[in-house]
PDB file of N, CA and C in Angstrom:
ATOM      1  N   MET A   1       0.592  -1.168  -0.017  1.00  0.00           N
ATOM      2  CA  MET A   1      -0.045   0.359   0.006  1.00  0.00           C
ATOM      3  C   MET A   1       0.973   1.226  -0.057  1.00  0.00           C
ATOM      4  N   PRO A   2       1.114   2.063  -1.082  1.00  0.00           N
ATOM      5  CA  PRO A   2       2.111   3.203  -1.302  1.00  0.00           C
ATOM      6  C   PRO A   2       1.095   4.291  -0.247  1.00  0.00           C
ATOM      7  N   TYR A   3       2.010   5.099   0.346  1.00  0.00           N
ATOM      8  CA  TYR A   3       1.455   6.377   1.240  1.00  0.00           C
ATOM      9  C   TYR A   3       2.431   7.267   0.482  1.00  0.00           C
ATOM     10  N   ILE A   4       1.875   8.396   0.172  1.00  0.00           N
ATOM     11  CA  ILE A   4       2.553   9.723   0.058  1.00  0.00           C
ATOM     12  C   ILE A   4       2.018  10.897   0.783  1.00  0.00           C
ATOM     13  N   ASN A   5       2.719  11.838   1.164  1.00  0.00           N
ATOM     14  CA  ASN A   5       2.608  12.924   1.618  1.00  0.00           C
ATOM     15  C   ASN A   5       3.010  13.592   1.107  1.00  0.00           C
ATOM     16  N   LEU A   6       2.434  14.645   0.618  1.00  0.00           N
ATOM     17  CA  LEU A   6       2.949  15.539  -0.320  1.00  0.00           C
ATOM     18  C   LEU A   6       2.514  17.464   0.491  1.00  0.00           C
ATOM     19  N   LYS A   7       3.665  18.039   0.594  1.00  0.00           N
ATOM     20  CA  LYS A   7       3.697  19.074   1.456  1.00  0.00           C
ATOM     21  C   LYS A   7       4.074  20.389   0.605  1.00  0.00           C
ATOM     22  N   VAL A   8       2.897  21.281   0.167  1.00  0.00           N
ATOM     23  CA  VAL A   8       3.047  22.156  -0.272  1.00  0.00           C
ATOM     24  C   VAL A   8       2.753  23.855   0.296  1.00  0.00           C
ATOM     25  N   VAL A   9       3.735  24.415  -0.252  1.00  0.00           N
ATOM     26  CA  VAL A   9       3.461  26.155   0.383  1.00  0.00           C
ATOM     27  C   VAL A   9       2.201  26.838  -0.272  1.00  0.00           C
ATOM     28  N   GLY A  10       1.213  27.151   0.297  1.00  0.00           N
ATOM     29  CA  GLY A  10       0.124  27.740  -0.092  1.00  0.00           C
ATOM     30  C   GLY A  10      -0.771  26.813  -0.172  1.00  0.00           C
ATOM     31  N   LYS A  11      -2.139  27.146  -1.171  1.00  0.00           N
ATOM     32  CA  LYS A  11      -3.220  26.567  -1.170  1.00  0.00           C
ATOM     33  C   LYS A  11      -3.446  25.838  -2.276  1.00  0.00           C
ATOM     34  N   LEU A  12      -3.643  25.122  -2.605  1.00  0.00           N
ATOM     35  CA  LEU A  12      -4.460  24.066  -3.815  1.00  0.00           C
ATOM     36  C   LEU A  12      -5.693  24.207  -4.004  1.00  0.00           C
ATOM     37  N   THR A  13      -6.249  24.444  -5.239  1.00  0.00           N
ATOM     38  CA  THR A  13      -7.702  24.634  -5.665  1.00  0.00           C
ATOM     39  C   THR A  13      -8.079  23.073  -5.949  1.00  0.00           C
ATOM     40  N   LYS A  14      -9.335  22.662  -5.425  1.00  0.00           N
ATOM     41  CA  LYS A  14      -9.922  21.002  -5.578  1.00  0.00           C
ATOM     42  C   LYS A  14      -9.462  20.733  -6.638  1.00  0.00           C
ATOM     43  N   GLU A  15      -9.380  21.356  -7.783  1.00  0.00           N
ATOM     44  CA  GLU A  15      -9.163  21.073  -9.327  1.00  0.00           C
ATOM     45  C   GLU A  15      -7.707  20.292  -9.267  1.00  0.00           C
ATOM     46  N   GLN A  16      -6.683  20.958  -8.648  1.00  0.00           N
ATOM     47  CA  GLN A  16      -5.584  20.578  -8.551  1.00  0.00           C
ATOM     48  C   GLN A  16      -5.228  19.690  -7.810  1.00  0.00           C
ATOM     49  N   LYS A  17      -5.518  19.524  -6.571  1.00  0.00           N
ATOM     50  CA  LYS A  17      -5.610  18.249  -6.223  1.00  0.00           C
ATOM     51  C   LYS A  17      -6.126  17.060  -6.464  1.00  0.00           C
ATOM     52  N   LYS A  18      -7.116  16.563  -7.108  1.00  0.00           N
ATOM     53  CA  LYS A  18      -7.701  16.035  -8.136  1.00  0.00           C
ATOM     54  C   LYS A  18      -6.907  15.364  -9.128  1.00  0.00           C
ATOM     55  N   GLU A  19      -6.108  16.518  -9.794  1.00  0.00           N
ATOM     56  CA  GLU A  19      -5.366  16.359 -10.708  1.00  0.00           C
ATOM     57  C   GLU A  19      -3.706  15.659  -9.902  1.00  0.00           C
ATOM     58  N   ILE A  20      -3.585  16.191  -9.043  1.00  0.00           N
ATOM     59  CA  ILE A  20      -2.112  15.643  -8.450  1.00  0.00           C
ATOM     60  C   ILE A  20      -2.874  14.454  -8.248  1.00  0.00           C
ATOM     61  N   ALA A  21      -3.592  14.050  -7.565  1.00  0.00           N
ATOM     62  CA  ALA A  21      -3.907  12.705  -7.212  1.00  0.00           C
ATOM     63  C   ALA A  21      -4.144  11.452  -8.220  1.00  0.00           C
ATOM     64  N   LYS A  22      -4.600  11.854  -9.059  1.00  0.00           N
ATOM     65  CA  LYS A  22      -4.738  11.203 -10.637  1.00  0.00           C
ATOM     66  C   LYS A  22      -3.362  10.899 -10.946  1.00  0.00           C
ATOM     67  N   GLN A  23      -2.379  11.845 -11.027  1.00  0.00           N
ATOM     68  CA  GLN A  23      -1.239  11.807 -11.794  1.00  0.00           C
ATOM     69  C   GLN A  23      -0.006  10.876 -10.839  1.00  0.00           C
ATOM     70  N   PHE A  24      -0.160  10.784  -9.877  1.00  0.00           N
ATOM     71  CA  PHE A  24       0.513  10.119  -8.223  1.00  0.00           C
ATOM     72  C   PHE A  24       0.201   8.892  -8.464  1.00  0.00           C
ATOM     73  N   SER A  25      -1.389   8.790  -8.606  1.00  0.00           N
ATOM     74  CA  SER A  25      -1.770   7.101  -8.747  1.00  0.00           C
ATOM     75  C   SER A  25      -1.356   6.556  -9.893  1.00  0.00           C
ATOM     76  N   ASP A  26      -1.616   7.409 -10.716  1.00  0.00           N
ATOM     77  CA  ASP A  26      -1.093   6.686 -12.529  1.00  0.00           C
ATOM     78  C   ASP A  26      -0.147   6.288 -12.764  1.00  0.00           C
ATOM     79  N   THR A  27       0.825   7.236 -11.907  1.00  0.00           N
ATOM     80  CA  THR A  27       2.104   6.562 -12.164  1.00  0.00           C
ATOM     81  C   THR A  27       2.636   5.613 -11.288  1.00  0.00           C
ATOM     82  N   LEU A  28       2.018   5.223  -9.900  1.00  0.00           N
ATOM     83  CA  LEU A  28       2.276   4.284  -9.256  1.00  0.00           C
ATOM     84  C   LEU A  28       1.848   2.982  -9.949  1.00  0.00           C
ATOM     85  N   LEU A  29       0.394   2.974 -10.465  1.00  0.00           N
ATOM     86  CA  LEU A  29       0.333   1.532 -11.226  1.00  0.00           C
ATOM     87  C   LEU A  29       0.934   1.498 -12.174  1.00  0.00           C
ATOM     88  N   LYS A  30       1.270   2.785 -13.312  1.00  0.00           N
ATOM     89  CA  LYS A  30       2.219   2.280 -14.295  1.00  0.00           C
ATOM     90  C   LYS A  30       3.715   1.562 -14.049  1.00  0.00           C
ATOM     91  N   VAL A  31       4.339   2.172 -13.004  1.00  0.00           N
ATOM     92  CA  VAL A  31       5.625   1.991 -12.730  1.00  0.00           C
ATOM     93  C   VAL A  31       5.826   0.847 -11.617  1.00  0.00           C
ATOM     94  N   ALA A  32       4.916   0.794 -10.726  1.00  0.00           N
ATOM     95  CA  ALA A  32       4.883  -0.292 -10.131  1.00  0.00           C
ATOM     96  C   ALA A  32       4.140  -0.796  -9.329  1.00  0.00           C
ATOM     97  N   SER A  33       3.047  -1.616 -10.772  1.00  0.00           N
ATOM     98  CA  SER A  33       1.766  -2.140 -10.529  1.00  0.00           C
ATOM     99  C   SER A  33       0.759  -2.158  -9.443  1.00  0.00           C
ATOM    100  N   LYS A  34       1.305  -0.477  -8.695  1.00  0.00           N
ATOM    101  CA  LYS A  34       0.094  -0.611  -7.576  1.00  0.00           C
ATOM    102  C   LYS A  34      -1.302  -0.292  -8.210  1.00  0.00           C
ATOM    103  N   PRO A  35      -2.086  -0.711  -7.585  1.00  0.00           N
ATOM    104  CA  PRO A  35      -3.338  -0.216  -7.705  1.00  0.00           C
ATOM    105  C   PRO A  35      -4.022   0.816  -7.416  1.00  0.00           C
ATOM    106  N   LYS A  36      -4.444   1.845  -7.747  1.00  0.00           N
ATOM    107  CA  LYS A  36      -5.096   3.080  -7.581  1.00  0.00           C
ATOM    108  C   LYS A  36      -5.837   2.909  -6.412  1.00  0.00           C
ATOM    109  N   GLU A  37      -6.732   1.993  -5.859  1.00  0.00           N
ATOM    110  CA  GLU A  37      -7.516   2.111  -5.024  1.00  0.00           C
ATOM    111  C   GLU A  37      -6.718   1.620  -3.655  1.00  0.00           C
ATOM    112  N   TYR A  38      -5.410   1.221  -3.770  1.00  0.00           N
ATOM    113  CA  TYR A  38      -4.784   1.124  -2.099  1.00  0.00           C
ATOM    114  C   TYR A  38      -3.593   1.990  -2.183  1.00  0.00           C
ATOM    115  N   THR A  39      -3.785   3.196  -3.112  1.00  0.00           N
ATOM    116  CA  THR A  39      -2.472   4.524  -2.887  1.00  0.00           C
ATOM    117  C   THR A  39      -3.268   5.579  -1.837  1.00  0.00           C
ATOM    118  N   TYR A  40      -2.195   5.656  -1.270  1.00  0.00           N
ATOM    119  CA  TYR A  40      -3.122   6.918  -0.206  1.00  0.00           C
ATOM    120  C   TYR A  40      -2.254   7.989  -0.371  1.00  0.00           C
ATOM    121  N   LEU A  41      -3.017   9.397  -0.373  1.00  0.00           N
ATOM    122  CA  LEU A  41      -1.669  10.870  -0.475  1.00  0.00           C
ATOM    123  C   LEU A  41      -2.679  11.924   0.202  1.00  0.00           C
ATOM    124  N   VAL A  42      -1.666  12.100   0.995  1.00  0.00           N
ATOM    125  CA  VAL A  42      -2.144  13.118   1.683  1.00  0.00           C
ATOM    126  C   VAL A  42      -1.813  14.159   1.509  1.00  0.00           C
ATOM    127  N   ILE A  43      -2.102  15.509   1.286  1.00  0.00           N
ATOM    128  CA  ILE A  43      -1.691  16.934   0.972  1.00  0.00           C
ATOM    129  C   ILE A  43      -1.708  17.693   2.411  1.00  0.00           C
ATOM    130  N   ASP A  44      -0.731  18.683   2.629  1.00  0.00           N
ATOM    131  CA  ASP A  44      -0.602  18.882   3.548  1.00  0.00           C
ATOM    132  C   ASP A  44      -0.239  20.471   2.994  1.00  0.00           C
ATOM    133  N   GLU A  45      -1.081  21.279   3.096  1.00  0.00           N
ATOM    134  CA  GLU A  45      -1.000  22.873   2.602  1.00  0.00           C
ATOM    135  C   GLU A  45      -0.148  23.608   3.522  1.00  0.00           C
ATOM    136  N   ILE A  46       1.043  24.013   3.673  1.00  0.00           N
ATOM    137  CA  ILE A  46       1.520  24.991   4.702  1.00  0.00           C
ATOM    138  C   ILE A  46       1.767  26.188   4.544  1.00  0.00           C
ATOM    139  N   PRO A  47       0.843  27.266   5.123  1.00  0.00           N
ATOM    140  CA  PRO A  47       1.181  28.853   5.229  1.00  0.00           C
ATOM    141  C   PRO A  47       2.735  29.119   4.868  1.00  0.00           C
ATOM    142  N   GLY A  48       3.092  29.924   4.066  1.00  0.00           N
ATOM    143  CA  GLY A  48       4.595  30.664   3.675  1.00  0.00           C
ATOM    144  C   GLY A  48       4.925  30.868   5.047  1.00  0.00           C
ATOM    145  N   GLU A  49       3.856  31.748   6.153  1.00  0.00           N
ATOM    146  CA  GLU A  49       4.777  32.058   7.211  1.00  0.00           C
ATOM    147  C   GLU A  49       5.416  31.136   8.134  1.00  0.00           C
ATOM    148  N   ASN A  50       5.271  29.770   7.901  1.00  0.00           N
ATOM    149  CA  ASN A  50       5.425  28.621   8.567  1.00  0.00           C
ATOM    150  C   ASN A  50       6.489  27.866   7.714  1.00  0.00           C
ATOM    151  N   TRP A  51       7.153  28.386   6.766  1.00  0.00           N
ATOM    152  CA  TRP A  51       8.053  27.110   5.878  1.00  0.00           C
ATOM    153  C   TRP A  51       8.866  28.198   5.414  1.00  0.00           C
ATOM    154  N   ALA A  52      10.389  28.083   5.697  1.00  0.00           N
ATOM    155  CA  ALA A  52      11.499  28.785   5.210  1.00  0.00           C
ATOM    156  C   ALA A  52      12.818  27.875   4.523  1.00  0.00           C
ATOM    157  N   VAL A  53      13.120  28.897   3.896  1.00  0.00           N
ATOM    158  CA  VAL A  53      14.305  27.932   3.009  1.00  0.00           C
ATOM    159  C   VAL A  53      16.098  28.909   4.092  1.00  0.00           C
ATOM    160  N   GLY A  54      16.560  28.410   4.669  1.00  0.00           N
ATOM    161  CA  GLY A  54      17.354  29.314   5.177  1.00  0.00           C
ATOM    162  C   GLY A  54      16.933  30.235   6.135  1.00  0.00           C
ATOM    163  N   GLU A  55      17.173  31.713   6.275  1.00  0.00           N
ATOM    164  CA  GLU A  55      16.431  32.323   6.832  1.00  0.00           C
ATOM    165  C   GLU A  55      15.372  33.064   6.315  1.00  0.00           C
ATOM    166  N   LYS A  56      14.727  32.443   4.893  1.00  0.00           N
ATOM    167  CA  LYS A  56      13.869  33.711   4.042  1.00  0.00           C
ATOM    168  C   LYS A  56      12.924  32.587   4.333  1.00  0.00           C
ATOM    169  N   PHE A  57      11.790  33.291   4.746  1.00  0.00           N
ATOM    170  CA  PHE A  57      10.012  32.570   4.766  1.00  0.00           C
ATOM    171  C   PHE A  57       9.613  32.620   3.514  1.00  0.00           C
ATOM    172  N   PHE A  58       8.632  31.923   3.101  1.00  0.00           N
ATOM    173  CA  PHE A  58       7.953  32.117   1.484  1.00  0.00           C
ATOM    174  C   PHE A  58       7.034  33.168   1.840  1.00  0.00           C
ATOM    175  N   GLY A  59       6.316  33.241   3.137  1.00  0.00           N
ATOM    176  CA  GLY A  59       5.206  34.176   3.193  1.00  0.00           C
ATOM    177  C   GLY A  59       5.109  35.106   4.189  1.00  0.00           C
TER     178      GLY A  59
END
């Protein structure tokens, strides 16, 4: 059972989330023969004020 945890800065639309889920599950099916119904995806939308690279925050 594949488990994917995607972290992104900011918000995604519902349509973007659907497409991301489709692309990840399609890829795991194609490359690793993992059925889509067993692929789990969690999307964490992190506010830019809580995510930094070095000393620079994204928000």
